[in-house]
Amino acid sequence: MAKCCHYKSYLVILLTSFKLAIPSANGQTEGEPLTIMNTNYMKMTAIIAAAKAGPAQSLPNETYQSYPIPILLSNKLRVAFLFGTSRAVPKEGRYFLPPRYVAFMAADTGRLEEMKSVTPKDFGQNNAETQVIGKYVISEGMKPEEFIVQRDRLYHLYDVLMPVYVAGRPKVSEECKQAAVEFKNLFFRLTEPPLRPYYLSEGKDFLTWVDRVGSYVSF
């Protein structure tokens, strides 16, 4: 029990830190393309498409696919996606249940490497498996075209940051620091609020790294 409470406290601290570091919207999402290190990784848009064409096809129609979660395991980069049930209610939004599956795609080939069933306890959460954990309204507070532009920008920032994250360099460029700040801004603007504790649990290492890199920006 003490370990569970300690883990939850860590998530609360990380969530607060990650959120407080977000600057106000100031046009950064319309910035110029950033430098991408020369790697063999697929573009994030291609990995997302591979997940939709692969593991997502084996699940029911009302299944959501989360935003990508970079995972580094034994120096190999994989991209995780959470899958669970969501139910759309007209004029209200989409109601989310906890993730039921997580799929791991190889970042260099886009191939499915592993897919496993999960429960909220695997993420340090006390939700029941059939409990509605929150509502999400896509592009709330913005025009649909604005949402698409910002979403595509976020995907580009994944491409910029992931190779630097894998390289594990003690020092990063100012451009990378700015990319981390922008990533934090867009990540919390676009991702589904009901799933954020799950993102912070599954993507703890990557998101902590982004938070640390983005905290050393000189404005």
N, C-alpha and C. Protein backbone atom coordinates (compact mmCIF):
# COMPACT_ATOMS: atom_id res chain seq x y z
N MET A 1 0.83 -1.21 0.00
CA MET A 1 0.00 0.00 0.00
C MET A 1 0.86 1.26 0.00
N ALA A 2 1.94 1.25 0.79
CA ALA A 2 2.82 2.42 0.85
C ALA A 2 3.46 2.66 -0.50
N LYS A 3 3.84 1.57 -1.20
CA LYS A 3 4.45 1.71 -2.51
C LYS A 3 3.47 2.32 -3.49
N CYS A 4 2.20 1.91 -3.45
CA CYS A 4 1.17 2.44 -4.34
C CYS A 4 0.97 3.93 -4.10
N CYS A 5 0.91 4.33 -2.83
CA CYS A 5 0.72 5.75 -2.50
C CYS A 5 1.90 6.57 -2.97
N HIS A 6 3.12 6.02 -2.80
CA HIS A 6 4.32 6.73 -3.25
C HIS A 6 4.29 6.92 -4.75
N TYR A 7 3.84 5.88 -5.48
CA TYR A 7 3.78 5.95 -6.93
C TYR A 7 2.77 7.00 -7.38
N LYS A 8 1.61 7.04 -6.70
CA LYS A 8 0.59 8.03 -7.06
C LYS A 8 1.09 9.44 -6.78
N SER A 9 1.82 9.62 -5.67
CA SER A 9 2.36 10.94 -5.34
C SER A 9 3.32 11.39 -6.41
N TYR A 10 4.12 10.45 -6.92
CA TYR A 10 5.05 10.80 -7.99
C TYR A 10 4.30 11.28 -9.23
N LEU A 11 3.20 10.59 -9.60
CA LEU A 11 2.45 10.99 -10.78
C LEU A 11 1.85 12.38 -10.61
N VAL A 12 1.35 12.67 -9.40
CA VAL A 12 0.78 13.99 -9.15
C VAL A 12 1.84 15.07 -9.29
N ILE A 13 3.02 14.81 -8.73
CA ILE A 13 4.10 15.79 -8.82
C ILE A 13 4.53 15.99 -10.27
N LEU A 14 4.67 14.88 -11.01
CA LEU A 14 5.07 14.98 -12.40
C LEU A 14 4.02 15.69 -13.23
N LEU A 15 2.75 15.38 -13.01
CA LEU A 15 1.67 16.04 -13.74
C LEU A 15 1.68 17.53 -13.47
N THR A 16 1.83 17.91 -12.20
CA THR A 16 1.85 19.33 -11.84
C THR A 16 3.04 20.04 -12.46
N SER A 17 4.21 19.41 -12.38
CA SER A 17 5.41 20.01 -12.95
C SER A 17 5.28 20.17 -14.45
N PHE A 18 4.79 19.10 -15.10
CA PHE A 18 4.67 19.12 -16.54
C PHE A 18 3.70 20.19 -17.00
N LYS A 19 2.63 20.37 -16.24
CA LYS A 19 1.60 21.33 -16.63
C LYS A 19 2.02 22.76 -16.35
N LEU A 20 2.66 22.99 -15.21
CA LEU A 20 3.06 24.35 -14.86
C LEU A 20 4.13 24.89 -15.78
N ALA A 21 4.86 24.01 -16.43
CA ALA A 21 5.94 24.46 -17.30
C ALA A 21 5.43 24.93 -18.65
N ILE A 22 4.14 24.78 -18.93
CA ILE A 22 3.60 25.13 -20.23
C ILE A 22 3.48 26.64 -20.37
N PRO A 23 4.07 27.23 -21.42
CA PRO A 23 3.90 28.66 -21.64
C PRO A 23 2.55 28.92 -22.27
N SER A 24 2.09 30.13 -22.21
CA SER A 24 0.83 30.46 -22.86
C SER A 24 1.00 30.40 -24.37
N ALA A 25 -0.10 30.15 -25.08
CA ALA A 25 -0.04 30.04 -26.54
C ALA A 25 0.45 31.35 -27.13
N ASN A 26 1.47 31.26 -27.96
CA ASN A 26 2.04 32.48 -28.53
C ASN A 26 2.46 32.29 -29.97
N GLY A 27 1.81 31.36 -30.66
CA GLY A 27 2.13 31.18 -32.07
C GLY A 27 3.23 30.18 -32.33
N GLN A 28 3.79 29.55 -31.29
CA GLN A 28 4.88 28.61 -31.50
C GLN A 28 4.48 27.45 -32.40
N THR A 29 3.22 27.07 -32.36
CA THR A 29 2.79 25.91 -33.13
C THR A 29 2.83 26.15 -34.62
N GLU A 30 3.07 27.36 -35.02
CA GLU A 30 3.16 27.66 -36.43
C GLU A 30 4.61 27.89 -36.84
N GLY A 31 5.57 27.39 -36.04
CA GLY A 31 6.97 27.62 -36.28
C GLY A 31 7.49 26.88 -37.50
N GLU A 32 8.73 27.20 -37.85
CA GLU A 32 9.37 26.55 -38.98
C GLU A 32 9.71 25.11 -38.62
N PRO A 33 9.86 24.23 -39.64
CA PRO A 33 10.28 22.86 -39.37
C PRO A 33 11.61 22.84 -38.64
N LEU A 34 11.72 21.98 -37.64
CA LEU A 34 12.93 21.89 -36.85
C LEU A 34 13.84 20.79 -37.38
N THR A 35 15.11 20.86 -37.00
CA THR A 35 16.09 19.88 -37.46
C THR A 35 15.80 18.50 -36.87
N ILE A 36 15.82 17.48 -37.72
CA ILE A 36 15.63 16.11 -37.28
C ILE A 36 16.94 15.36 -37.48
N MET A 37 17.43 14.72 -36.42
CA MET A 37 18.66 13.95 -36.52
C MET A 37 18.50 12.84 -37.56
N ASN A 38 19.58 12.51 -38.23
CA ASN A 38 19.56 11.46 -39.24
C ASN A 38 19.50 10.10 -38.56
N THR A 39 18.35 9.47 -38.59
CA THR A 39 18.16 8.16 -37.96
C THR A 39 17.38 7.26 -38.91
N ASN A 40 17.20 6.03 -38.49
CA ASN A 40 16.42 5.08 -39.28
C ASN A 40 14.97 5.00 -38.81
N TYR A 41 14.59 5.89 -37.91
CA TYR A 41 13.23 5.85 -37.39
C TYR A 41 12.23 6.32 -38.44
N MET A 42 11.09 5.69 -38.44
CA MET A 42 10.00 6.13 -39.30
C MET A 42 9.42 7.43 -38.77
N LYS A 43 8.77 8.19 -39.64
CA LYS A 43 8.06 9.39 -39.19
C LYS A 43 6.91 8.96 -38.29
N MET A 44 6.60 9.79 -37.32
CA MET A 44 5.56 9.43 -36.37
C MET A 44 4.21 9.22 -37.07
N THR A 45 3.92 10.01 -38.08
CA THR A 45 2.65 9.83 -38.79
C THR A 45 2.55 8.43 -39.39
N ALA A 46 3.69 7.88 -39.86
CA ALA A 46 3.70 6.54 -40.45
C ALA A 46 3.52 5.47 -39.37
N ILE A 47 4.10 5.69 -38.19
CA ILE A 47 3.95 4.73 -37.09
C ILE A 47 2.50 4.71 -36.61
N ILE A 48 1.89 5.89 -36.52
CA ILE A 48 0.48 5.97 -36.12
C ILE A 48 -0.40 5.22 -37.11
N ALA A 49 -0.12 5.43 -38.40
CA ALA A 49 -0.90 4.75 -39.44
C ALA A 49 -0.72 3.24 -39.36
N ALA A 50 0.50 2.79 -39.03
CA ALA A 50 0.75 1.36 -38.90
C ALA A 50 -0.02 0.76 -37.73
N ALA A 51 -0.13 1.52 -36.64
CA ALA A 51 -0.90 1.04 -35.48
C ALA A 51 -2.39 0.96 -35.82
N LYS A 52 -2.88 1.93 -36.58
CA LYS A 52 -4.29 1.90 -36.98
C LYS A 52 -4.58 0.74 -37.93
N ALA A 53 -3.62 0.45 -38.80
CA ALA A 53 -3.81 -0.63 -39.77
C ALA A 53 -3.51 -2.00 -39.18
N GLY A 54 -2.83 -2.02 -38.02
CA GLY A 54 -2.44 -3.28 -37.40
C GLY A 54 -3.27 -3.62 -36.19
N PRO A 55 -2.76 -3.35 -34.99
CA PRO A 55 -3.47 -3.77 -33.77
C PRO A 55 -4.87 -3.20 -33.63
N ALA A 56 -5.08 -1.98 -34.09
CA ALA A 56 -6.40 -1.37 -33.95
C ALA A 56 -7.47 -2.14 -34.70
N GLN A 57 -7.08 -2.82 -35.78
CA GLN A 57 -8.06 -3.52 -36.61
C GLN A 57 -8.63 -4.76 -35.92
N SER A 58 -7.95 -5.25 -34.90
CA SER A 58 -8.43 -6.44 -34.20
C SER A 58 -9.36 -6.11 -33.04
N LEU A 59 -9.64 -4.82 -32.84
CA LEU A 59 -10.44 -4.39 -31.70
C LEU A 59 -11.79 -3.84 -32.16
N PRO A 60 -12.78 -3.75 -31.25
CA PRO A 60 -14.13 -3.27 -31.62
C PRO A 60 -14.12 -1.85 -32.18
N ASN A 61 -15.21 -1.49 -32.85
CA ASN A 61 -15.30 -0.19 -33.51
C ASN A 61 -15.20 0.99 -32.55
N GLU A 62 -15.71 0.85 -31.35
CA GLU A 62 -15.71 1.96 -30.40
C GLU A 62 -14.40 2.05 -29.60
N THR A 63 -13.33 1.56 -30.17
CA THR A 63 -12.03 1.57 -29.50
C THR A 63 -11.26 2.84 -29.86
N TYR A 64 -10.71 3.50 -28.85
CA TYR A 64 -9.85 4.66 -29.11
C TYR A 64 -8.40 4.19 -29.21
N GLN A 65 -7.61 4.96 -29.94
CA GLN A 65 -6.16 4.78 -30.02
C GLN A 65 -5.51 6.03 -29.48
N SER A 66 -4.66 5.90 -28.50
CA SER A 66 -4.07 7.06 -27.85
C SER A 66 -3.03 7.75 -28.73
N TYR A 67 -2.56 8.88 -28.26
CA TYR A 67 -1.40 9.53 -28.87
C TYR A 67 -0.18 8.64 -28.63
N PRO A 68 0.88 8.81 -29.41
CA PRO A 68 2.06 7.95 -29.28
C PRO A 68 2.79 8.17 -27.95
N ILE A 69 3.41 7.10 -27.46
CA ILE A 69 4.19 7.15 -26.23
C ILE A 69 5.55 6.50 -26.50
N PRO A 70 6.61 7.28 -26.70
CA PRO A 70 7.94 6.70 -26.94
C PRO A 70 8.43 5.93 -25.71
N ILE A 71 8.95 4.73 -25.97
CA ILE A 71 9.46 3.86 -24.91
C ILE A 71 10.86 3.39 -25.31
N LEU A 72 11.84 3.60 -24.46
CA LEU A 72 13.21 3.14 -24.72
C LEU A 72 13.49 1.95 -23.83
N LEU A 73 13.75 0.80 -24.46
CA LEU A 73 14.00 -0.43 -23.71
C LEU A 73 15.22 -1.11 -24.30
N SER A 74 16.26 -1.25 -23.49
CA SER A 74 17.52 -1.87 -23.94
C SER A 74 18.05 -1.19 -25.20
N ASN A 75 18.04 0.14 -25.18
CA ASN A 75 18.54 0.96 -26.29
C ASN A 75 17.74 0.78 -27.58
N LYS A 76 16.57 0.20 -27.49
CA LYS A 76 15.71 0.06 -28.67
C LYS A 76 14.46 0.91 -28.45
N LEU A 77 14.15 1.75 -29.45
CA LEU A 77 13.01 2.65 -29.33
C LEU A 77 11.76 1.99 -29.87
N ARG A 78 10.75 1.96 -29.03
CA ARG A 78 9.43 1.49 -29.43
C ARG A 78 8.43 2.61 -29.16
N VAL A 79 7.30 2.55 -29.83
CA VAL A 79 6.24 3.53 -29.64
C VAL A 79 5.00 2.78 -29.17
N ALA A 80 4.53 3.15 -27.98
CA ALA A 80 3.37 2.48 -27.40
C ALA A 80 2.09 3.25 -27.71
N PHE A 81 1.01 2.51 -27.84
CA PHE A 81 -0.32 3.09 -28.01
C PHE A 81 -1.27 2.39 -27.04
N LEU A 82 -2.09 3.18 -26.39
CA LEU A 82 -3.11 2.63 -25.50
C LEU A 82 -4.41 2.48 -26.28
N PHE A 83 -5.12 1.40 -26.01
CA PHE A 83 -6.41 1.15 -26.66
C PHE A 83 -7.45 0.84 -25.60
N GLY A 84 -8.61 1.42 -25.75
CA GLY A 84 -9.71 1.17 -24.82
C GLY A 84 -11.02 1.60 -25.44
N THR A 85 -12.08 1.44 -24.69
CA THR A 85 -13.42 1.76 -25.20
C THR A 85 -13.77 3.22 -24.95
N SER A 86 -14.36 3.85 -25.95
CA SER A 86 -14.90 5.19 -25.79
C SER A 86 -16.28 5.22 -26.44
N ARG A 87 -17.17 5.98 -25.83
CA ARG A 87 -18.54 6.04 -26.34
C ARG A 87 -18.91 7.49 -26.62
N ALA A 88 -19.31 7.76 -27.84
CA ALA A 88 -19.67 9.11 -28.24
C ALA A 88 -21.12 9.40 -27.88
N VAL A 89 -21.35 10.57 -27.30
CA VAL A 89 -22.70 11.05 -26.98
C VAL A 89 -22.90 12.36 -27.74
N PRO A 90 -23.89 12.42 -28.64
CA PRO A 90 -24.11 13.63 -29.43
C PRO A 90 -24.23 14.88 -28.56
N LYS A 91 -23.58 15.94 -28.98
CA LYS A 91 -23.59 17.25 -28.33
C LYS A 91 -22.93 17.26 -26.95
N GLU A 92 -22.32 16.15 -26.58
CA GLU A 92 -21.62 16.10 -25.30
C GLU A 92 -20.13 15.84 -25.47
N GLY A 93 -19.80 14.81 -26.20
CA GLY A 93 -18.41 14.45 -26.37
C GLY A 93 -18.25 12.94 -26.34
N ARG A 94 -17.02 12.52 -26.13
CA ARG A 94 -16.72 11.09 -26.10
C ARG A 94 -16.27 10.69 -24.70
N TYR A 95 -16.94 9.69 -24.14
CA TYR A 95 -16.66 9.23 -22.78
C TYR A 95 -15.68 8.05 -22.83
N PHE A 96 -14.65 8.15 -22.00
CA PHE A 96 -13.56 7.17 -22.04
C PHE A 96 -13.63 6.19 -20.88
N LEU A 97 -13.33 4.93 -21.18
CA LEU A 97 -13.06 3.92 -20.18
C LEU A 97 -11.55 3.70 -20.12
N PRO A 98 -11.03 3.09 -19.07
CA PRO A 98 -9.58 2.89 -18.96
C PRO A 98 -9.03 2.06 -20.13
N PRO A 99 -7.76 2.21 -20.42
CA PRO A 99 -7.14 1.37 -21.45
C PRO A 99 -7.27 -0.11 -21.13
N ARG A 100 -7.49 -0.90 -22.18
CA ARG A 100 -7.59 -2.35 -22.02
C ARG A 100 -6.40 -3.07 -22.66
N TYR A 101 -5.75 -2.40 -23.60
CA TYR A 101 -4.61 -2.99 -24.28
C TYR A 101 -3.54 -1.93 -24.50
N VAL A 102 -2.30 -2.39 -24.58
CA VAL A 102 -1.20 -1.52 -25.01
C VAL A 102 -0.43 -2.27 -26.09
N ALA A 103 -0.15 -1.57 -27.18
CA ALA A 103 0.60 -2.16 -28.30
C ALA A 103 1.92 -1.41 -28.45
N PHE A 104 2.98 -2.17 -28.74
CA PHE A 104 4.30 -1.59 -28.91
C PHE A 104 4.74 -1.78 -30.35
N MET A 105 4.99 -0.66 -31.03
CA MET A 105 5.43 -0.67 -32.42
C MET A 105 6.91 -0.34 -32.50
N ALA A 106 7.65 -1.03 -33.35
CA ALA A 106 9.06 -0.72 -33.55
C ALA A 106 9.19 0.62 -34.25
N ALA A 107 10.00 1.51 -33.71
CA ALA A 107 10.12 2.86 -34.28
C ALA A 107 10.83 2.86 -35.61
N ASP A 108 11.63 1.83 -35.89
CA ASP A 108 12.39 1.82 -37.15
C ASP A 108 11.66 1.11 -38.28
N THR A 109 10.73 0.22 -37.95
CA THR A 109 10.02 -0.52 -39.00
C THR A 109 8.51 -0.31 -38.98
N GLY A 110 7.97 0.15 -37.85
CA GLY A 110 6.53 0.29 -37.72
C GLY A 110 5.81 -1.02 -37.50
N ARG A 111 6.55 -2.07 -37.25
CA ARG A 111 5.93 -3.38 -37.05
C ARG A 111 5.49 -3.55 -35.59
N LEU A 112 4.42 -4.29 -35.41
CA LEU A 112 3.94 -4.60 -34.07
C LEU A 112 4.90 -5.59 -33.42
N GLU A 113 5.45 -5.21 -32.26
CA GLU A 113 6.37 -6.09 -31.55
C GLU A 113 5.68 -6.82 -30.39
N GLU A 114 4.69 -6.17 -29.80
CA GLU A 114 4.01 -6.79 -28.66
C GLU A 114 2.67 -6.10 -28.45
N MET A 115 1.69 -6.88 -28.04
CA MET A 115 0.41 -6.33 -27.65
C MET A 115 -0.08 -7.12 -26.45
N LYS A 116 -0.46 -6.42 -25.40
CA LYS A 116 -0.87 -7.11 -24.19
C LYS A 116 -2.07 -6.43 -23.56
N SER A 117 -2.85 -7.20 -22.80
CA SER A 117 -3.98 -6.64 -22.08
C SER A 117 -3.49 -6.01 -20.80
N VAL A 118 -4.15 -4.95 -20.36
CA VAL A 118 -3.75 -4.21 -19.17
C VAL A 118 -4.99 -3.88 -18.34
N THR A 119 -4.75 -3.51 -17.09
CA THR A 119 -5.80 -3.04 -16.20
C THR A 119 -5.35 -1.71 -15.61
N PRO A 120 -6.24 -0.92 -15.04
CA PRO A 120 -5.83 0.36 -14.42
C PRO A 120 -4.71 0.19 -13.39
N LYS A 121 -4.69 -0.93 -12.68
CA LYS A 121 -3.66 -1.14 -11.67
C LYS A 121 -2.27 -1.18 -12.28
N ASP A 122 -2.16 -1.58 -13.55
CA ASP A 122 -0.85 -1.60 -14.21
C ASP A 122 -0.29 -0.20 -14.37
N PHE A 123 -1.15 0.81 -14.27
CA PHE A 123 -0.74 2.21 -14.39
C PHE A 123 -0.80 2.94 -13.05
N GLY A 124 -1.02 2.18 -11.97
CA GLY A 124 -1.11 2.80 -10.65
C GLY A 124 -2.42 3.50 -10.39
N GLN A 125 -3.47 3.13 -11.13
CA GLN A 125 -4.78 3.76 -10.99
C GLN A 125 -5.78 2.82 -10.30
N ASN A 126 -6.74 3.40 -9.60
CA ASN A 126 -7.75 2.62 -8.89
C ASN A 126 -9.08 2.52 -9.63
N ASN A 127 -9.13 3.00 -10.88
CA ASN A 127 -10.38 2.94 -11.63
C ASN A 127 -10.81 1.49 -11.85
N ALA A 128 -12.13 1.27 -11.83
CA ALA A 128 -12.65 -0.03 -12.24
C ALA A 128 -12.50 -0.14 -13.75
N GLU A 129 -12.37 -1.35 -14.25
CA GLU A 129 -12.14 -1.55 -15.68
C GLU A 129 -13.30 -1.06 -16.53
N THR A 130 -14.51 -1.04 -15.97
CA THR A 130 -15.69 -0.60 -16.72
C THR A 130 -16.14 0.81 -16.32
N GLN A 131 -15.32 1.51 -15.58
CA GLN A 131 -15.67 2.85 -15.09
C GLN A 131 -15.37 3.91 -16.14
N VAL A 132 -16.29 4.86 -16.31
CA VAL A 132 -16.03 6.02 -17.17
C VAL A 132 -15.05 6.92 -16.43
N ILE A 133 -13.92 7.20 -17.05
CA ILE A 133 -12.87 7.99 -16.38
C ILE A 133 -12.87 9.46 -16.81
N GLY A 134 -13.74 9.83 -17.74
CA GLY A 134 -13.80 11.23 -18.13
C GLY A 134 -14.32 11.40 -19.55
N LYS A 135 -14.49 12.66 -19.90
CA LYS A 135 -15.03 13.02 -21.22
C LYS A 135 -13.99 13.82 -21.99
N TYR A 136 -14.00 13.65 -23.31
CA TYR A 136 -13.06 14.37 -24.18
C TYR A 136 -13.83 14.91 -25.38
N VAL A 137 -13.65 16.18 -25.65
CA VAL A 137 -14.24 16.81 -26.83
C VAL A 137 -13.10 17.22 -27.74
N ILE A 138 -12.97 16.56 -28.88
CA ILE A 138 -11.87 16.84 -29.78
C ILE A 138 -11.93 18.27 -30.29
N SER A 139 -10.80 18.91 -30.35
CA SER A 139 -10.64 20.29 -30.83
C SER A 139 -11.48 21.29 -30.05
N GLU A 140 -11.77 20.98 -28.77
CA GLU A 140 -12.57 21.90 -27.96
C GLU A 140 -11.84 23.23 -27.81
N GLY A 141 -12.54 24.33 -28.06
CA GLY A 141 -11.95 25.65 -27.92
C GLY A 141 -11.17 26.12 -29.13
N MET A 142 -11.19 25.34 -30.22
CA MET A 142 -10.48 25.76 -31.43
C MET A 142 -11.24 25.26 -32.65
N LYS A 143 -10.95 25.84 -33.78
CA LYS A 143 -11.56 25.39 -35.02
C LYS A 143 -10.93 24.07 -35.45
N PRO A 144 -11.69 23.23 -36.17
CA PRO A 144 -11.16 21.94 -36.59
C PRO A 144 -9.84 22.05 -37.35
N GLU A 145 -9.73 23.06 -38.22
CA GLU A 145 -8.50 23.21 -38.98
C GLU A 145 -7.32 23.60 -38.09
N GLU A 146 -7.61 24.35 -37.03
CA GLU A 146 -6.56 24.69 -36.07
C GLU A 146 -6.08 23.45 -35.34
N PHE A 147 -7.03 22.60 -34.98
CA PHE A 147 -6.67 21.35 -34.30
C PHE A 147 -5.75 20.51 -35.18
N ILE A 148 -6.07 20.40 -36.46
CA ILE A 148 -5.27 19.58 -37.37
C ILE A 148 -3.85 20.13 -37.48
N VAL A 149 -3.73 21.45 -37.61
CA VAL A 149 -2.41 22.07 -37.71
C VAL A 149 -1.59 21.80 -36.46
N GLN A 150 -2.20 21.96 -35.29
CA GLN A 150 -1.48 21.76 -34.04
C GLN A 150 -1.15 20.28 -33.81
N ARG A 151 -2.04 19.40 -34.19
CA ARG A 151 -1.77 17.96 -34.06
C ARG A 151 -0.60 17.55 -34.94
N ASP A 152 -0.59 18.03 -36.19
CA ASP A 152 0.51 17.70 -37.10
C ASP A 152 1.83 18.28 -36.60
N ARG A 153 1.76 19.45 -35.98
CA ARG A 153 2.97 20.04 -35.41
C ARG A 153 3.49 19.17 -34.26
N LEU A 154 2.59 18.66 -33.44
CA LEU A 154 2.99 17.79 -32.34
C LEU A 154 3.67 16.54 -32.88
N TYR A 155 3.13 15.96 -33.94
CA TYR A 155 3.75 14.78 -34.54
C TYR A 155 5.16 15.10 -35.04
N HIS A 156 5.34 16.28 -35.62
CA HIS A 156 6.66 16.69 -36.09
C HIS A 156 7.62 16.81 -34.91
N LEU A 157 7.14 17.31 -33.78
CA LEU A 157 8.00 17.47 -32.60
C LEU A 157 8.42 16.12 -32.04
N TYR A 158 7.56 15.10 -32.15
CA TYR A 158 7.99 13.75 -31.79
C TYR A 158 9.21 13.36 -32.62
N ASP A 159 9.14 13.61 -33.93
CA ASP A 159 10.25 13.25 -34.82
C ASP A 159 11.53 13.98 -34.44
N VAL A 160 11.39 15.21 -33.99
CA VAL A 160 12.56 16.00 -33.60
C VAL A 160 13.16 15.49 -32.29
N LEU A 161 12.32 15.22 -31.31
CA LEU A 161 12.79 14.93 -29.96
C LEU A 161 13.21 13.48 -29.74
N MET A 162 12.55 12.53 -30.38
CA MET A 162 12.83 11.12 -30.08
C MET A 162 14.29 10.72 -30.32
N PRO A 163 14.91 11.10 -31.44
CA PRO A 163 16.31 10.69 -31.62
C PRO A 163 17.24 11.29 -30.58
N VAL A 164 16.96 12.51 -30.14
CA VAL A 164 17.78 13.15 -29.12
C VAL A 164 17.60 12.43 -27.79
N TYR A 165 16.38 12.04 -27.51
CA TYR A 165 16.08 11.28 -26.29
C TYR A 165 16.84 9.96 -26.28
N VAL A 166 16.85 9.26 -27.39
CA VAL A 166 17.54 7.97 -27.47
C VAL A 166 19.05 8.15 -27.35
N ALA A 167 19.58 9.22 -27.94
CA ALA A 167 21.02 9.46 -27.91
C ALA A 167 21.53 9.68 -26.49
N GLY A 168 20.67 10.20 -25.61
CA GLY A 168 21.05 10.36 -24.21
C GLY A 168 22.17 11.34 -23.96
N ARG A 169 22.28 12.36 -24.79
CA ARG A 169 23.35 13.33 -24.62
C ARG A 169 23.11 14.21 -23.39
N PRO A 170 24.18 14.49 -22.64
CA PRO A 170 24.02 15.32 -21.43
C PRO A 170 23.63 16.76 -21.76
N LYS A 171 24.03 17.24 -22.95
CA LYS A 171 23.69 18.59 -23.36
C LYS A 171 22.94 18.53 -24.69
N VAL A 172 21.92 19.37 -24.83
CA VAL A 172 21.15 19.42 -26.07
C VAL A 172 21.17 20.84 -26.61
N SER A 173 20.84 20.98 -27.87
CA SER A 173 20.86 22.30 -28.51
C SER A 173 19.72 23.17 -28.01
N GLU A 174 19.87 24.47 -28.24
CA GLU A 174 18.81 25.40 -27.87
C GLU A 174 17.55 25.11 -28.67
N GLU A 175 17.73 24.68 -29.90
CA GLU A 175 16.58 24.34 -30.74
C GLU A 175 15.80 23.17 -30.12
N CYS A 176 16.53 22.19 -29.60
CA CYS A 176 15.87 21.05 -28.96
C CYS A 176 15.14 21.48 -27.70
N LYS A 177 15.73 22.38 -26.94
CA LYS A 177 15.08 22.89 -25.73
C LYS A 177 13.77 23.58 -26.07
N GLN A 178 13.80 24.41 -27.13
CA GLN A 178 12.58 25.09 -27.55
C GLN A 178 11.54 24.09 -28.03
N ALA A 179 12.00 23.03 -28.71
CA ALA A 179 11.08 22.00 -29.19
C ALA A 179 10.41 21.30 -28.01
N ALA A 180 11.17 21.10 -26.93
CA ALA A 180 10.60 20.45 -25.74
C ALA A 180 9.53 21.32 -25.11
N VAL A 181 9.76 22.62 -25.04
CA VAL A 181 8.76 23.55 -24.51
C VAL A 181 7.50 23.51 -25.35
N GLU A 182 7.67 23.54 -26.65
CA GLU A 182 6.51 23.52 -27.54
C GLU A 182 5.77 22.19 -27.45
N PHE A 183 6.53 21.11 -27.31
CA PHE A 183 5.91 19.80 -27.17
C PHE A 183 5.02 19.75 -25.94
N LYS A 184 5.53 20.24 -24.82
CA LYS A 184 4.74 20.24 -23.58
C LYS A 184 3.46 21.04 -23.75
N ASN A 185 3.59 22.17 -24.41
CA ASN A 185 2.43 23.03 -24.66
C ASN A 185 1.35 22.27 -25.44
N LEU A 186 1.76 21.68 -26.55
CA LEU A 186 0.80 20.99 -27.42
C LEU A 186 0.30 19.68 -26.81
N PHE A 187 1.17 18.98 -26.12
CA PHE A 187 0.77 17.70 -25.54
C PHE A 187 -0.40 17.89 -24.59
N PHE A 188 -0.32 18.89 -23.72
CA PHE A 188 -1.40 19.10 -22.77
C PHE A 188 -2.60 19.82 -23.38
N ARG A 189 -2.41 20.45 -24.51
CA ARG A 189 -3.54 21.08 -25.18
C ARG A 189 -4.36 20.06 -25.96
N LEU A 190 -3.72 19.02 -26.49
CA LEU A 190 -4.38 18.13 -27.43
C LEU A 190 -4.73 16.76 -26.86
N THR A 191 -3.94 16.24 -25.95
CA THR A 191 -4.21 14.88 -25.46
C THR A 191 -5.49 14.83 -24.62
N GLU A 192 -6.04 13.65 -24.52
CA GLU A 192 -7.30 13.43 -23.84
C GLU A 192 -7.11 13.51 -22.31
N PRO A 193 -7.77 14.46 -21.64
CA PRO A 193 -7.60 14.58 -20.18
C PRO A 193 -7.84 13.29 -19.41
N PRO A 194 -8.84 12.47 -19.78
CA PRO A 194 -9.04 11.23 -19.00
C PRO A 194 -7.85 10.28 -19.03
N LEU A 195 -7.04 10.37 -20.08
CA LEU A 195 -5.93 9.44 -20.24
C LEU A 195 -4.60 9.97 -19.71
N ARG A 196 -4.56 11.20 -19.24
CA ARG A 196 -3.26 11.79 -18.87
C ARG A 196 -2.54 11.03 -17.77
N PRO A 197 -3.21 10.55 -16.72
CA PRO A 197 -2.48 9.74 -15.74
C PRO A 197 -1.87 8.48 -16.35
N TYR A 198 -2.53 7.96 -17.38
CA TYR A 198 -2.03 6.76 -18.05
C TYR A 198 -0.84 7.10 -18.94
N TYR A 199 -0.90 8.26 -19.61
CA TYR A 199 0.26 8.72 -20.39
C TYR A 199 1.47 8.90 -19.48
N LEU A 200 1.25 9.55 -18.33
CA LEU A 200 2.35 9.85 -17.43
C LEU A 200 2.93 8.59 -16.80
N SER A 201 2.13 7.56 -16.67
CA SER A 201 2.64 6.30 -16.15
C SER A 201 3.41 5.54 -17.22
N GLU A 202 2.80 5.32 -18.37
CA GLU A 202 3.45 4.54 -19.43
C GLU A 202 4.64 5.28 -20.02
N GLY A 203 4.51 6.60 -20.16
CA GLY A 203 5.56 7.40 -20.80
C GLY A 203 6.41 8.18 -19.82
N LYS A 204 6.52 7.67 -18.59
CA LYS A 204 7.20 8.41 -17.52
C LYS A 204 8.61 8.85 -17.91
N ASP A 205 9.41 7.96 -18.47
CA ASP A 205 10.80 8.29 -18.78
C ASP A 205 10.89 9.38 -19.85
N PHE A 206 10.14 9.21 -20.94
CA PHE A 206 10.20 10.19 -22.03
C PHE A 206 9.65 11.54 -21.59
N LEU A 207 8.52 11.55 -20.92
CA LEU A 207 7.91 12.81 -20.51
C LEU A 207 8.73 13.52 -19.44
N THR A 208 9.37 12.75 -18.58
CA THR A 208 10.26 13.38 -17.59
C THR A 208 11.45 14.01 -18.28
N TRP A 209 11.98 13.32 -19.28
CA TRP A 209 13.10 13.87 -20.06
C TRP A 209 12.68 15.15 -20.77
N VAL A 210 11.53 15.15 -21.42
CA VAL A 210 11.04 16.35 -22.11
C VAL A 210 10.87 17.49 -21.13
N ASP A 211 10.31 17.19 -19.97
CA ASP A 211 10.10 18.22 -18.96
C ASP A 211 11.43 18.82 -18.51
N ARG A 212 12.42 17.96 -18.30
CA ARG A 212 13.73 18.43 -17.85
C ARG A 212 14.41 19.28 -18.92
N VAL A 213 14.38 18.82 -20.16
CA VAL A 213 15.01 19.57 -21.26
C VAL A 213 14.33 20.91 -21.45
N GLY A 214 13.01 20.93 -21.41
CA GLY A 214 12.27 22.17 -21.61
C GLY A 214 12.36 23.13 -20.47
N SER A 215 12.84 22.69 -19.32
CA SER A 215 12.93 23.57 -18.15
C SER A 215 14.18 24.44 -18.18
N TYR A 216 15.09 24.17 -19.12
CA TYR A 216 16.34 24.92 -19.18
C TYR A 216 16.39 25.85 -20.38
N VAL A 217 15.24 26.40 -20.71
CA VAL A 217 15.16 27.32 -21.84
C VAL A 217 15.30 28.75 -21.36
N SER A 218 16.08 29.52 -22.08
CA SER A 218 16.26 30.94 -21.75
C SER A 218 15.40 31.77 -22.68
N PHE A 219 14.40 32.44 -22.10
CA PHE A 219 13.48 33.27 -22.90
C PHE A 219 14.00 34.70 -22.94
